[in-house]
């Protein structure tokens, strides 16, 4: 199994920020991740 590039705290932080309301494209640009990574 491949090791995740992002730790658990980073993933939770991004998901909580997404719940606050910004569009996914803007959030991904800010965090430096791709849209596919976000949805995966």
Protein backbone atom coordinates (compact mmCIF):
# COMPACT_ATOMS: atom_id res chain seq x y z
CA UNK A 1 0.00 0.00 0.00
CA UNK A 2 1.29 3.45 -0.91
CA UNK A 3 2.05 5.94 1.86
CA UNK A 4 -0.14 9.05 1.81
CA UNK A 5 1.51 12.32 0.86
CA UNK A 6 -0.67 14.26 3.29
CA UNK A 7 -1.00 13.53 6.99
CA UNK A 8 -4.33 13.16 8.74
CA UNK A 9 -4.30 16.68 10.24
CA UNK A 10 -3.78 18.26 6.82
CA UNK A 11 -6.66 16.29 5.31
CA UNK A 12 -9.02 17.19 8.15
CA UNK A 13 -8.01 20.86 7.89
CA UNK A 14 -8.80 21.00 4.19
CA UNK A 15 -12.17 19.27 4.66
CA UNK A 16 -13.15 21.64 7.47
CA UNK A 17 -12.13 24.61 5.35
CA UNK A 18 -14.29 23.24 2.51
CA UNK A 19 -17.29 23.05 4.84
CA UNK A 20 -16.88 26.79 5.48
CA UNK A 21 -18.02 27.40 1.92
CA UNK A 22 -15.27 28.29 -0.60
CA UNK A 23 -15.48 26.67 -4.05
CA UNK A 24 -13.39 23.53 -4.52
CA UNK A 25 -11.25 25.05 -7.30
CA UNK A 26 -10.28 28.02 -5.15
CA UNK A 27 -9.56 25.83 -2.12
CA UNK A 28 -7.38 23.45 -4.14
CA UNK A 29 -5.39 26.32 -5.62
CA UNK A 30 -4.80 27.75 -2.14
CA UNK A 31 -3.72 24.38 -0.71
CA UNK A 32 -1.65 23.37 -3.74
CA UNK A 33 -3.56 20.18 -4.49
CA UNK A 34 -5.42 19.01 -7.58
CA UNK A 35 -9.18 18.66 -7.77
CA UNK A 36 -8.80 14.93 -8.30
CA UNK A 37 -6.78 14.63 -5.10
CA UNK A 38 -9.47 16.53 -3.23
CA UNK A 39 -12.26 14.24 -4.43
CA UNK A 40 -10.20 11.07 -3.87
